[in-house]
Protein backbone atom coordinates (compact mmCIF):
# COMPACT_ATOMS: atom_id res chain seq x y z
CA UNK A 1 -8.17 5.46 -0.98
CA UNK A 2 -10.99 3.75 -2.95
CA UNK A 3 -13.39 4.77 -0.39
CA UNK A 4 -12.46 8.37 -0.74
CA UNK A 5 -12.95 8.29 -4.50
CA UNK A 6 -16.37 6.62 -4.14
CA UNK A 7 -17.34 9.25 -1.57
CA UNK A 8 -16.24 12.05 -4.09
CA UNK A 9 -18.20 10.61 -6.91
CA UNK A 10 -21.47 9.98 -4.71
CA UNK A 11 -21.17 13.60 -3.41
CA UNK A 12 -20.94 14.91 -7.09
CA UNK A 13 -24.20 13.24 -7.97
CA UNK A 14 -22.89 10.02 -9.60
CA UNK A 15 -24.27 6.57 -9.26
CA UNK A 16 -21.65 4.12 -8.22
CA UNK A 17 -21.55 0.31 -7.96
CA UNK A 18 -18.56 -1.53 -6.22
CA UNK A 19 -17.85 -5.16 -6.98
CA UNK A 20 -15.03 -6.08 -4.50
CA UNK A 21 -12.76 -9.10 -4.50
CA UNK A 22 -11.69 -9.40 -0.90
CA UNK A 23 -8.40 -11.25 -0.44
CA UNK A 24 -8.64 -13.27 2.85
CA UNK A 25 -5.04 -14.15 3.69
CA UNK A 26 -5.95 -14.77 7.21
CA UNK A 27 -8.71 -14.41 9.77
CA UNK A 28 -9.33 -10.76 9.45
CA UNK A 29 -12.61 -9.70 8.32
CA UNK A 30 -13.08 -8.13 4.89
CA UNK A 31 -13.15 -4.28 4.99
CA UNK A 32 -16.36 -2.80 3.98
CA UNK A 33 -16.96 0.79 2.70
CA UNK A 34 -17.74 3.51 5.38
CA UNK A 35 -21.26 3.04 6.89
CA UNK A 36 -22.43 6.45 5.46
CA UNK A 37 -21.55 5.02 1.88
CA UNK A 38 -23.29 1.65 2.18
CA UNK A 39 -26.70 2.88 1.75
CA UNK A 40 -25.66 5.17 -1.33
CA UNK A 41 -24.03 2.58 -3.53
CA UNK A 42 -24.63 -0.73 -4.97
CA UNK A 43 -22.20 -3.00 -3.28
CA UNK A 44 -21.10 -6.52 -4.10
CA UNK A 45 -18.24 -8.51 -2.45
CA UNK A 46 -16.51 -11.83 -2.91
CA UNK A 47 -14.05 -13.46 -0.48
CA UNK A 48 -11.12 -15.36 -2.01
CA UNK A 49 -8.32 -17.06 -0.18
CA UNK A 50 -4.90 -15.93 -1.62
CA UNK A 51 -2.79 -17.65 1.04
CA UNK A 52 0.58 -18.55 -0.51
CA UNK A 53 1.64 -22.20 0.01
CA UNK A 54 4.94 -23.86 -0.52
CA UNK A 55 3.39 -26.14 -3.07
CA UNK A 56 1.87 -23.39 -5.02
CA UNK A 57 5.03 -21.50 -5.15
CA UNK A 58 6.87 -24.77 -6.33
CA UNK A 59 4.38 -25.48 -9.06
CA UNK A 60 4.49 -21.91 -10.32
CA UNK A 61 8.27 -22.20 -10.98
CA UNK A 62 7.29 -24.09 -14.12
CA UNK A 63 4.72 -21.55 -15.23
CA UNK A 64 5.12 -18.60 -17.48
CA UNK A 65 3.07 -16.42 -15.22
CA UNK A 66 3.47 -15.13 -11.69
CA UNK A 67 1.85 -16.74 -8.75
CA UNK A 68 1.24 -13.32 -7.31
CA UNK A 69 -1.16 -12.59 -10.18
CA UNK A 70 -2.57 -16.11 -10.77
CA UNK A 71 -3.88 -16.63 -7.22
CA UNK A 72 -6.36 -13.66 -7.70
CA UNK A 73 -8.40 -15.46 -10.34
CA UNK A 74 -11.58 -17.14 -9.29
CA UNK A 75 -14.23 -18.42 -11.76
CA UNK A 76 -17.11 -17.69 -9.18
CA UNK A 77 -16.08 -13.99 -8.84
CA UNK A 78 -15.93 -13.75 -12.65
CA UNK A 79 -19.59 -14.97 -12.76
CA UNK A 80 -20.48 -12.34 -10.19
CA UNK A 81 -19.03 -9.67 -12.36
CA UNK A 82 -20.91 -10.89 -15.40
CA UNK A 83 -24.19 -11.05 -13.58
CA UNK A 84 -23.64 -7.33 -12.46
CA UNK A 85 -22.78 -6.30 -15.93
CA UNK A 86 -25.82 -7.92 -17.41
CA UNK A 87 -28.12 -6.19 -14.95
CA UNK A 88 -26.73 -2.68 -15.38
CA UNK A 89 -25.32 -0.63 -18.15
CA UNK A 90 -22.31 1.34 -17.12
CA UNK A 91 -20.72 4.34 -18.57
CA UNK A 92 -17.38 3.82 -16.86
CA UNK A 93 -15.77 0.68 -15.24
CA UNK A 94 -12.64 1.41 -13.17
CA UNK A 95 -10.09 -1.42 -12.30
CA UNK A 96 -8.29 -0.75 -9.10
CA UNK A 97 -4.80 -2.15 -9.38
CA UNK A 98 -3.23 -5.01 -11.64
CA UNK A 99 -4.31 -7.96 -9.69
CA UNK A 100 -8.03 -7.67 -10.85
CA UNK A 101 -7.05 -7.16 -14.41
CA UNK A 102 -7.45 -10.88 -14.92
CA UNK A 103 -11.15 -10.25 -15.20
CA UNK A 104 -10.68 -7.71 -18.10
CA UNK A 105 -11.60 -10.03 -20.91
CA UNK A 106 -15.03 -11.03 -19.12
CA UNK A 107 -15.83 -7.25 -18.53
CA UNK A 108 -15.02 -6.38 -22.26
CA UNK A 109 -17.25 -9.18 -23.47
CA UNK A 110 -20.29 -8.20 -21.42
CA UNK A 111 -20.05 -4.35 -21.36
CA UNK A 112 -19.65 -1.52 -23.72
CA UNK A 113 -18.46 0.92 -21.08
CA UNK A 114 -15.05 2.61 -21.19
CA UNK A 115 -12.71 0.85 -19.04
CA UNK A 116 -10.18 2.70 -16.89
CA UNK A 117 -7.24 1.29 -15.12
CA UNK A 118 -6.31 3.01 -11.70
CA UNK A 119 -2.73 2.22 -11.21
CA UNK A 120 -1.77 2.06 -7.44
CA UNK A 121 1.77 0.99 -8.39
CA UNK A 122 3.99 -0.17 -11.24
CA UNK A 123 3.59 -3.62 -10.09
CA UNK A 124 6.73 -5.16 -11.69
CA UNK A 125 8.94 -2.38 -10.02
CA UNK A 126 7.98 -3.59 -6.52
CA UNK A 127 9.45 -7.04 -7.24
CA UNK A 128 12.48 -5.73 -9.08
CA UNK A 129 13.29 -3.34 -6.20
CA UNK A 130 12.72 -6.10 -3.74
CA UNK A 131 15.16 -8.35 -5.65
CA UNK A 132 17.88 -5.56 -5.53
CA UNK A 133 17.60 -5.61 -1.63
CA UNK A 134 18.40 -9.33 -1.48
CA UNK A 135 21.85 -10.63 -0.81
CA UNK A 136 20.92 -14.36 -1.11
CA UNK A 137 21.54 -15.35 -4.70
CA UNK A 138 18.43 -17.71 -4.83
CA UNK A 139 16.03 -15.16 -3.35
CA UNK A 140 17.44 -12.48 -5.67
CA UNK A 141 17.09 -14.64 -8.75
CA UNK A 142 13.61 -15.80 -7.79
CA UNK A 143 12.20 -12.32 -7.06
CA UNK A 144 13.77 -11.06 -10.38
CA UNK A 145 12.12 -13.88 -12.26
CA UNK A 146 8.74 -12.83 -10.83
CA UNK A 147 9.47 -9.14 -11.74
CA UNK A 148 10.17 -10.14 -15.28
CA UNK A 149 6.96 -12.27 -15.50
CA UNK A 150 4.86 -9.46 -13.95
CA UNK A 151 6.36 -6.87 -16.26
CA UNK A 152 5.35 -8.87 -19.37
CA UNK A 153 1.84 -9.32 -18.09
CA UNK A 154 1.63 -5.74 -16.99
CA UNK A 155 2.54 -4.15 -20.20
CA UNK A 156 0.28 -6.54 -22.11
CA UNK A 157 -2.67 -5.68 -19.94
CA UNK A 158 -2.23 -1.74 -19.69
CA UNK A 159 -2.57 -1.32 -23.40
CA UNK A 160 -5.91 -3.19 -23.38
CA UNK A 161 -7.65 -0.31 -21.34
CA UNK A 162 -9.28 2.74 -22.58
CA UNK A 163 -7.33 4.94 -20.51
CA UNK A 164 -5.09 4.89 -17.33
CA UNK A 165 -5.19 6.95 -14.25
CA UNK A 166 -1.78 7.11 -12.21
CA UNK A 167 -0.88 8.87 -8.79
CA UNK A 168 2.47 10.23 -9.90
CA UNK A 169 4.45 11.69 -12.76
CA UNK A 170 7.02 9.01 -12.16
CA UNK A 171 4.66 6.24 -12.87
CA UNK A 172 3.31 7.96 -16.05
CA UNK A 173 6.94 8.42 -17.33
CA UNK A 174 7.60 4.72 -16.67
CA UNK A 175 4.49 3.69 -18.50
CA UNK A 176 5.45 5.71 -21.50
CA UNK A 177 8.89 4.06 -21.35
CA UNK A 178 7.10 0.73 -21.64
CA UNK A 179 5.32 1.91 -24.68
CA UNK A 180 1.91 2.26 -23.27
CA UNK A 181 -0.18 4.00 -25.99
CA UNK A 182 -3.58 4.73 -24.20
CA UNK A 183 -4.30 8.09 -22.69
CA UNK A 184 -2.67 8.44 -19.13
CA UNK A 185 -3.82 11.04 -16.53
CA UNK A 186 -2.08 12.08 -13.32
CA UNK A 187 -4.61 12.08 -10.39
CA UNK A 188 -3.10 12.22 -7.04
CA UNK A 189 -4.51 10.63 -3.78
CA UNK A 190 -7.56 12.56 -2.51
CA UNK A 191 -8.54 12.78 1.09
CA UNK A 192 -11.80 13.85 2.91
CA UNK A 193 -10.03 16.57 4.97
CA UNK A 194 -12.90 16.96 7.32
CA UNK A 195 -11.74 13.52 8.74
CA UNK A 196 -8.36 14.67 9.89
CA UNK A 197 -8.29 16.67 13.13
CA UNK A 198 -4.83 17.10 14.75
CA UNK A 199 -4.56 17.59 18.35
CA UNK A 200 -1.21 18.42 19.77
CA UNK A 201 -2.34 18.22 23.35
CA UNK A 202 -2.82 14.39 22.91
CA UNK A 203 0.67 13.91 21.21
CA UNK A 204 3.52 12.16 22.87
CA UNK A 205 6.70 14.03 22.14
CA UNK A 206 9.18 12.87 21.37
CA UNK A 207 8.04 9.51 19.80
CA UNK A 208 8.45 7.74 16.51
CA UNK A 209 5.94 5.60 14.92
CA UNK A 210 5.26 3.44 11.85
CA UNK A 211 1.70 2.39 10.57
CA UNK A 212 1.18 0.08 7.70
CA UNK A 213 0.35 -3.44 6.83
CA UNK A 214 3.25 -5.74 7.36
CA UNK A 215 1.98 -8.52 5.20
CA UNK A 216 2.89 -6.16 2.25
CA UNK A 217 6.56 -7.25 1.46
CA UNK A 218 7.80 -3.62 0.87
CA UNK A 219 6.63 -2.39 4.25
CA UNK A 220 8.01 -5.42 6.00
CA UNK A 221 11.42 -5.34 4.50
CA UNK A 222 11.52 -1.61 5.17
CA UNK A 223 10.68 -1.92 8.82
CA UNK A 224 13.11 -4.93 9.28
CA UNK A 225 15.79 -2.71 7.69
CA UNK A 226 14.94 0.13 10.23
CA UNK A 227 14.75 -1.99 13.26
CA UNK A 228 17.99 -3.85 12.55
CA UNK A 229 19.82 -0.59 11.89
CA UNK A 230 18.36 1.53 14.96
CA UNK A 231 17.63 -1.16 17.55
CA UNK A 232 20.65 -0.37 19.58
CA UNK A 233 20.50 3.48 19.10
CA UNK A 234 17.01 3.46 20.62
CA UNK A 235 17.45 0.94 23.31
CA UNK A 236 20.98 1.85 24.35
CA UNK A 237 22.23 4.68 22.29
CA UNK A 238 21.84 8.51 21.71
CA UNK A 239 18.32 8.25 20.31
CA UNK A 240 16.32 8.91 23.41
CA UNK A 241 12.84 8.14 21.96
CA UNK A 242 10.20 5.58 22.05
CA UNK A 243 9.28 3.66 18.79
CA UNK A 244 5.78 2.46 18.11
CA UNK A 245 5.12 -0.10 15.41
CA UNK A 246 1.44 -0.66 14.42
CA UNK A 247 -0.54 -2.23 11.56
CA UNK A 248 -2.29 -5.50 10.69
CA UNK A 249 -0.59 -8.70 9.84
CA UNK A 250 2.64 -8.29 11.65
CA UNK A 251 4.67 -11.55 11.62
CA UNK A 252 5.31 -13.23 14.93
CA UNK A 253 9.12 -12.67 14.47
CA UNK A 254 8.67 -8.87 14.99
CA UNK A 255 8.09 -9.65 18.57
CA UNK A 256 11.72 -10.17 19.03
CA UNK A 257 12.31 -6.54 18.41
CA UNK A 258 10.15 -5.47 21.35
CA UNK A 259 12.27 -3.78 24.08
CA UNK A 260 10.73 -2.94 27.48
CA UNK A 261 9.95 0.83 27.58
CA UNK A 262 11.55 1.60 24.24
CA UNK A 263 10.11 -0.24 21.26
CA UNK A 264 6.44 -1.34 21.16
CA UNK A 265 5.17 -3.79 18.47
CA UNK A 266 1.50 -2.94 18.92
CA UNK A 267 -0.20 -4.81 16.01
CA UNK A 268 -3.54 -3.67 14.72
CA UNK A 269 -5.05 -0.55 16.29
CA UNK A 270 -8.70 0.23 16.79
CA UNK A 271 -8.60 3.73 15.49
CA UNK A 272 -5.64 4.54 13.05
CA UNK A 273 -6.21 8.35 13.08
CA UNK A 274 -6.18 8.32 16.93
CA UNK A 275 -3.00 6.40 16.85
CA UNK A 276 -1.31 8.73 14.40
CA UNK A 277 -2.32 11.76 16.39
CA UNK A 278 -0.96 10.33 19.59
CA UNK A 279 2.53 10.06 18.32
CA UNK A 280 4.92 12.82 16.89
CA UNK A 281 7.18 11.76 14.13
CA UNK A 282 6.34 9.23 11.37
CA UNK A 283 8.95 7.09 9.70
CA UNK A 284 8.60 5.61 6.25
CA UNK A 285 11.72 3.45 5.45
CA UNK A 286 10.37 2.17 2.22
CA UNK A 287 13.18 0.59 -0.01
CA UNK A 288 11.03 -0.82 -2.77
CA UNK A 289 7.74 -0.15 -4.44
CA UNK A 290 6.33 2.84 -6.17
CA UNK A 291 3.22 5.01 -6.62
CA UNK A 292 2.10 7.25 -3.86
CA UNK A 293 1.88 6.18 -0.20
CA UNK A 294 -1.69 6.93 1.21
CA UNK A 295 -0.46 6.73 4.67
CA UNK A 296 2.09 9.51 4.12
CA UNK A 297 -0.54 11.68 2.73
CA UNK A 298 -2.74 10.97 5.62
CA UNK A 299 0.07 11.59 8.08
CA UNK A 300 0.71 15.02 6.47
CA UNK A 301 -3.07 15.70 6.75
CA UNK A 302 -2.64 14.93 10.51
CA UNK A 303 0.12 17.47 10.71
CA UNK A 304 2.78 14.79 11.36
CA UNK A 305 6.47 15.41 10.97
CA UNK A 306 7.52 12.68 8.47
CA UNK A 307 10.87 11.15 7.80
CA UNK A 308 10.76 9.17 4.57
CA UNK A 309 12.91 7.67 1.84
CA UNK A 310 12.73 9.40 -1.57
CA UNK A 311 10.92 6.36 -2.81
CA UNK A 312 8.29 6.40 -0.03
CA UNK A 313 7.49 10.08 -0.76
CA UNK A 314 7.23 9.58 -4.34
CA UNK A 315 4.68 11.53 -6.22
CA UNK A 316 4.30 14.18 -3.37
CA UNK A 317 5.29 17.60 -4.37
CA UNK A 318 7.31 18.17 -1.23
CA UNK A 319 10.17 20.56 -0.30
CA UNK A 320 12.73 18.55 1.81
CA UNK A 321 13.16 20.00 5.25
CA UNK A 322 10.04 22.14 4.85
CA UNK A 323 7.10 19.82 4.72
CA UNK A 324 8.79 16.34 5.03
CA UNK A 325 12.26 15.09 5.70
CA UNK A 326 13.90 12.80 3.24
CA UNK A 327 16.57 10.26 4.40
CA UNK A 328 17.79 7.43 2.09
CA UNK A 329 20.45 5.63 4.20
CA UNK A 330 21.26 4.98 7.83
CA UNK A 331 23.22 8.13 8.35
CA UNK A 332 20.48 10.35 6.91
CA UNK A 333 17.82 8.71 9.04
CA UNK A 334 19.88 9.04 12.17
CA UNK A 335 20.50 12.80 11.60
CA UNK A 336 16.93 13.42 10.81
CA UNK A 337 15.53 11.48 13.81
CA UNK A 338 18.12 13.21 16.23
CA UNK A 339 17.18 16.64 14.78
CA UNK A 340 13.48 15.96 15.27
CA UNK A 341 13.46 14.43 18.67
CA UNK A 342 15.36 17.44 20.07
CA UNK A 343 13.46 20.18 18.48
CA UNK A 344 9.70 20.06 19.00
CA UNK A 345 9.04 23.48 17.54
CA UNK A 346 10.55 22.36 14.29
CA UNK A 347 8.44 19.25 14.16
CA UNK A 348 5.38 21.19 14.59
CA UNK A 349 6.31 23.72 11.83
CA UNK A 350 7.09 20.85 9.37
CA UNK A 351 3.66 19.23 10.24
CA UNK A 352 1.82 22.52 9.76
CA UNK A 353 3.59 23.01 6.32
CA UNK A 354 2.63 19.45 5.42
CA UNK A 355 -1.05 20.05 6.18
CA UNK A 356 -1.08 23.20 4.05
CA UNK A 357 0.41 21.17 1.16
CA UNK A 358 -2.25 18.44 1.40
CA UNK A 359 -4.95 21.16 1.46
CA UNK A 360 -3.76 22.59 -1.75
CA UNK A 361 -3.19 19.33 -3.66
CA UNK A 362 -4.94 16.43 -2.23
CA UNK A 363 -8.58 17.67 -1.21
CA UNK A 364 -10.92 15.07 -2.53
CA UNK A 365 -13.32 17.61 -3.90
CA UNK A 366 -10.61 18.92 -6.22
CA UNK A 367 -9.29 15.40 -7.08
CA UNK A 368 -12.92 14.25 -7.89
CA UNK A 369 -13.58 17.11 -10.17
CA UNK A 370 -10.54 16.27 -12.20
CA UNK A 371 -11.42 12.57 -12.19
CA UNK A 372 -14.92 13.20 -13.60
CA UNK A 373 -13.31 15.56 -16.21
CA UNK A 374 -11.10 12.46 -17.18
CA UNK A 375 -13.91 10.36 -17.45
CA UNK A 376 -15.93 12.79 -19.51
CA UNK A 377 -12.87 13.01 -21.92
CA UNK A 378 -12.81 9.34 -22.23
CA UNK A 379 -16.46 9.03 -23.11
CA UNK A 380 -16.35 11.84 -25.63
């Protein structure tokens, strides 16, 4: 997502610097921009360990802020930012997500640039919705506490920016309800469509798949819900289809869901687009979070037939049953899956409609032009 924005700006003739805070929760290597971008931008990166420990969580119980925010502050990264700001005069500085907003005071102090906030989600909504999914009273109370702490911090921070870019009308409406009084612009996810080449001859039909990082709590809980509800239907019931689960940071306990010849917990894949192309029906059982799911937009660009919750498809101007299928409970998911796995022509038609929608509304060239116009308005 960020890489696509950078590419669009570079192709439009703008000079771009990236100062990246790479969260190293485990042994995975930090993600670099595409090779073709590295020679065209000024790139700086700093690794930070954001691993959650029991001691850290316990100490944070007595704090007024959330550990999920605090653990992203590192004084050495702040020094790196300050050095960069002293070396270069910028017109626009864009913060990608709430977790790096901890560094806003330092940037304000050392730069006269207009500072834009790119909202990937309404962060406190994720925690509030996660708390609503919990039955255990302690977990529910604990998550709700963090949701409240994050909301207080989030509202305070958002009004300190010069302007905000959001992916969806829902997120803009929520911010306005919070009393955010800086300009807010809706700019959807943009894709470099030349990267997405569907090839039906290499697609296994029928097949279900999920692709996403399972160290992100909303993804993990959504897939646990799906697997708990459909394990027997896929392994022993009427849903005669294979399910593939792929992504990085899959917890070891997901291995218990594997079923020989039926359910495959694949882990990280070498080429995500090749994996998506090889499967037929994408599932997005997202029960919490907000914003726009980039994986759905990419799946639609690959002409996939997608079954998603309303929340998962938030911000996409879809028509249910035409370019995506919406399912918000077990019965709706079951009916949608059964329909799709028994009607290949229908799946292909939905996927083709999805691609046309993405071409109209999510081409990076169109989105970048609108983003630059937004920047110019902020600087006027």
